[in-house]
Amino acid sequence: MQGAGFLGNLGRNTLAGPGFFDVDMALARNLRITESMLVELRVEGFNILNHPNFGLPGQLLFSGIDQSGNGIPNPTAGQITQIVGTARELQFALKFRF
């Protein structure tokens, strides 16, 4: 067991976090007003299923070293404390071409 503040011998990429899941969708409709005028209606949705995507767990076991050389435990070690990505977003657009 390594002491606090020293690197261990654990291999690379051994910490696997939760996956990322996202579904985006767009709907568009072109409406011709005259031969040379066109209106485009568009709706775009990002993360339409509103799926939460969690960040990586805390990787630091110790937050520091006290005066006697012992490690100060990190209270959030191994816990997921953040999310990544965004919540559901909708975007509407209207484009007039002539």
C-alpha atoms as a PDB file:
ATOM      1  CA  MET A   1       0.000   0.000   0.000  1.00  0.00           C
ATOM      2  CA  GLN A   2       1.365   3.387  -1.002  1.00  0.00           C
ATOM      3  CA  GLY A   3       1.462   6.240   1.456  1.00  0.00           C
ATOM      4  CA  ALA A   4      -0.593   9.370   1.022  1.00  0.00           C
ATOM      5  CA  GLY A   5       0.709  11.612  -1.744  1.00  0.00           C
ATOM      6  CA  PHE A   6       2.670   8.895  -3.556  1.00  0.00           C
ATOM      7  CA  LEU A   7       1.821   7.321  -6.886  1.00  0.00           C
ATOM      8  CA  GLY A   8       0.786   3.681  -6.914  1.00  0.00           C
ATOM      9  CA  ASN A   9       1.165   1.001  -9.563  1.00  0.00           C
ATOM     10  CA  LEU A  10      -2.403   0.723 -10.837  1.00  0.00           C
ATOM     11  CA  GLY A  11      -2.563   0.448 -14.634  1.00  0.00           C
ATOM     12  CA  ARG A  12      -3.847   3.057 -17.054  1.00  0.00           C
ATOM     13  CA  ASN A  13      -7.570   3.362 -17.862  1.00  0.00           C
ATOM     14  CA  THR A  14      -8.670   1.146 -14.985  1.00  0.00           C
ATOM     15  CA  LEU A  15     -11.308   3.574 -13.731  1.00  0.00           C
ATOM     16  CA  ALA A  16     -14.476   3.147 -15.778  1.00  0.00           C
ATOM     17  CA  GLY A  17     -17.178   5.730 -15.277  1.00  0.00           C
ATOM     18  CA  PRO A  18     -20.790   5.721 -16.366  1.00  0.00           C
ATOM     19  CA  GLY A  19     -21.568   5.884 -20.081  1.00  0.00           C
ATOM     20  CA  PHE A  20     -22.904   8.857 -22.015  1.00  0.00           C
ATOM     21  CA  PHE A  21     -26.345   8.611 -23.647  1.00  0.00           C
ATOM     22  CA  ASP A  22     -27.864  11.347 -25.803  1.00  0.00           C
ATOM     23  CA  VAL A  23     -30.650  11.436 -28.413  1.00  0.00           C
ATOM     24  CA  ASP A  24     -30.980  14.499 -30.655  1.00  0.00           C
ATOM     25  CA  MET A  25     -33.692  15.064 -33.240  1.00  0.00           C
ATOM     26  CA  ALA A  26     -34.706  17.705 -35.781  1.00  0.00           C
ATOM     27  CA  LEU A  27     -37.913  18.233 -37.742  1.00  0.00           C
ATOM     28  CA  ALA A  28     -38.153  20.680 -40.650  1.00  0.00           C
ATOM     29  CA  ARG A  29     -40.903  21.767 -43.001  1.00  0.00           C
ATOM     30  CA  ASN A  30     -40.516  23.915 -46.124  1.00  0.00           C
ATOM     31  CA  LEU A  31     -43.545  25.984 -47.148  1.00  0.00           C
ATOM     32  CA  ARG A  32     -43.516  27.628 -50.553  1.00  0.00           C
ATOM     33  CA  ILE A  33     -45.350  30.981 -50.548  1.00  0.00           C
ATOM     34  CA  THR A  34     -44.676  31.968 -54.144  1.00  0.00           C
ATOM     35  CA  GLU A  35     -42.358  30.632 -56.806  1.00  0.00           C
ATOM     36  CA  SER A  36     -39.399  32.576 -55.401  1.00  0.00           C
ATOM     37  CA  MET A  37     -40.344  32.779 -51.688  1.00  0.00           C
ATOM     38  CA  LEU A  38     -39.890  29.954 -49.206  1.00  0.00           C
ATOM     39  CA  VAL A  39     -40.444  29.692 -45.459  1.00  0.00           C
ATOM     40  CA  GLU A  40     -38.634  26.987 -43.491  1.00  0.00           C
ATOM     41  CA  LEU A  41     -39.988  25.975 -40.079  1.00  0.00           C
ATOM     42  CA  ARG A  42     -37.579  23.973 -37.936  1.00  0.00           C
ATOM     43  CA  VAL A  43     -37.705  22.365 -34.483  1.00  0.00           C
ATOM     44  CA  GLU A  44     -34.577  20.830 -32.987  1.00  0.00           C
ATOM     45  CA  GLY A  45     -34.434  18.859 -29.757  1.00  0.00           C
ATOM     46  CA  PHE A  46     -31.279  17.985 -27.844  1.00  0.00           C
ATOM     47  CA  ASN A  47     -31.288  15.176 -25.252  1.00  0.00           C
ATOM     48  CA  ILE A  48     -34.982  14.724 -25.962  1.00  0.00           C
ATOM     49  CA  LEU A  49     -35.291  11.759 -23.585  1.00  0.00           C
ATOM     50  CA  ASN A  50     -33.877  13.969 -20.797  1.00  0.00           C
ATOM     51  CA  HIS A  51     -31.495  11.216 -19.728  1.00  0.00           C
ATOM     52  CA  PRO A  52     -29.076  12.237 -16.938  1.00  0.00           C
ATOM     53  CA  ASN A  53     -25.400  11.681 -17.754  1.00  0.00           C
ATOM     54  CA  PHE A  54     -23.216  11.423 -14.683  1.00  0.00           C
ATOM     55  CA  GLY A  55     -19.579  12.466 -14.460  1.00  0.00           C
ATOM     56  CA  LEU A  56     -16.634  10.422 -13.293  1.00  0.00           C
ATOM     57  CA  PRO A  57     -16.328   9.424  -9.629  1.00  0.00           C
ATOM     58  CA  GLY A  58     -13.904  11.380  -7.461  1.00  0.00           C
ATOM     59  CA  GLN A  59     -10.401  10.025  -8.087  1.00  0.00           C
ATOM     60  CA  LEU A  60      -8.461  11.557  -5.203  1.00  0.00           C
ATOM     61  CA  LEU A  61      -8.397   9.415  -2.062  1.00  0.00           C
ATOM     62  CA  PHE A  62      -6.649  12.037   0.023  1.00  0.00           C
ATOM     63  CA  SER A  63      -7.157  15.790   0.058  1.00  0.00           C
ATOM     64  CA  GLY A  64      -3.786  16.475   1.674  1.00  0.00           C
ATOM     65  CA  ILE A  65      -1.279  15.377   4.294  1.00  0.00           C
ATOM     66  CA  ASP A  66      -1.457  16.397   7.948  1.00  0.00           C
ATOM     67  CA  GLN A  67       1.545  17.412  10.094  1.00  0.00           C
ATOM     68  CA  SER A  68       2.317  13.850  11.166  1.00  0.00           C
ATOM     69  CA  GLY A  69       2.484  12.623   7.544  1.00  0.00           C
ATOM     70  CA  ASN A  70      -0.855  10.833   7.513  1.00  0.00           C
ATOM     71  CA  GLY A  71      -3.268  11.338   4.648  1.00  0.00           C
ATOM     72  CA  ILE A  72      -6.381  13.416   5.142  1.00  0.00           C
ATOM     73  CA  PRO A  73      -9.223  11.378   3.599  1.00  0.00           C
ATOM     74  CA  ASN A  74     -11.156  13.045   0.807  1.00  0.00           C
ATOM     75  CA  PRO A  75     -14.875  12.905   1.746  1.00  0.00           C
ATOM     76  CA  THR A  76     -15.971  12.632  -1.910  1.00  0.00           C
ATOM     77  CA  ALA A  77     -13.534   9.896  -2.988  1.00  0.00           C
ATOM     78  CA  GLY A  78     -15.318   7.442  -5.262  1.00  0.00           C
ATOM     79  CA  GLN A  79     -18.558   9.453  -5.307  1.00  0.00           C
ATOM     80  CA  ILE A  80     -20.159  10.984  -8.378  1.00  0.00           C
ATOM     81  CA  THR A  81     -20.743  14.650  -7.610  1.00  0.00           C
ATOM     82  CA  GLN A  82     -21.468  16.152 -11.028  1.00  0.00           C
ATOM     83  CA  ILE A  83     -23.360  15.636 -14.257  1.00  0.00           C
ATOM     84  CA  VAL A  84     -22.100  16.186 -17.789  1.00  0.00           C
ATOM     85  CA  GLY A  85     -24.045  17.437 -20.772  1.00  0.00           C
ATOM     86  CA  THR A  86     -27.259  19.383 -20.548  1.00  0.00           C
ATOM     87  CA  ALA A  87     -30.883  18.746 -19.749  1.00  0.00           C
ATOM     88  CA  ARG A  88     -33.487  18.623 -22.530  1.00  0.00           C
ATOM     89  CA  GLU A  89     -33.293  21.627 -24.853  1.00  0.00           C
ATOM     90  CA  LEU A  90     -35.705  22.638 -27.608  1.00  0.00           C
ATOM     91  CA  GLN A  91     -34.899  25.142 -30.331  1.00  0.00           C
ATOM     92  CA  PHE A  92     -37.315  26.671 -32.818  1.00  0.00           C
ATOM     93  CA  ALA A  93     -36.342  28.434 -36.035  1.00  0.00           C
ATOM     94  CA  LEU A  94     -38.149  30.245 -38.835  1.00  0.00           C
ATOM     95  CA  LYS A  95     -36.250  31.116 -41.994  1.00  0.00           C
ATOM     96  CA  PHE A  96     -37.602  33.244 -44.825  1.00  0.00           C
ATOM     97  CA  ARG A  97     -35.832  32.869 -48.191  1.00  0.00           C
ATOM     98  CA  PHE A  98     -36.519  35.007 -51.209  1.00  0.00           C
END
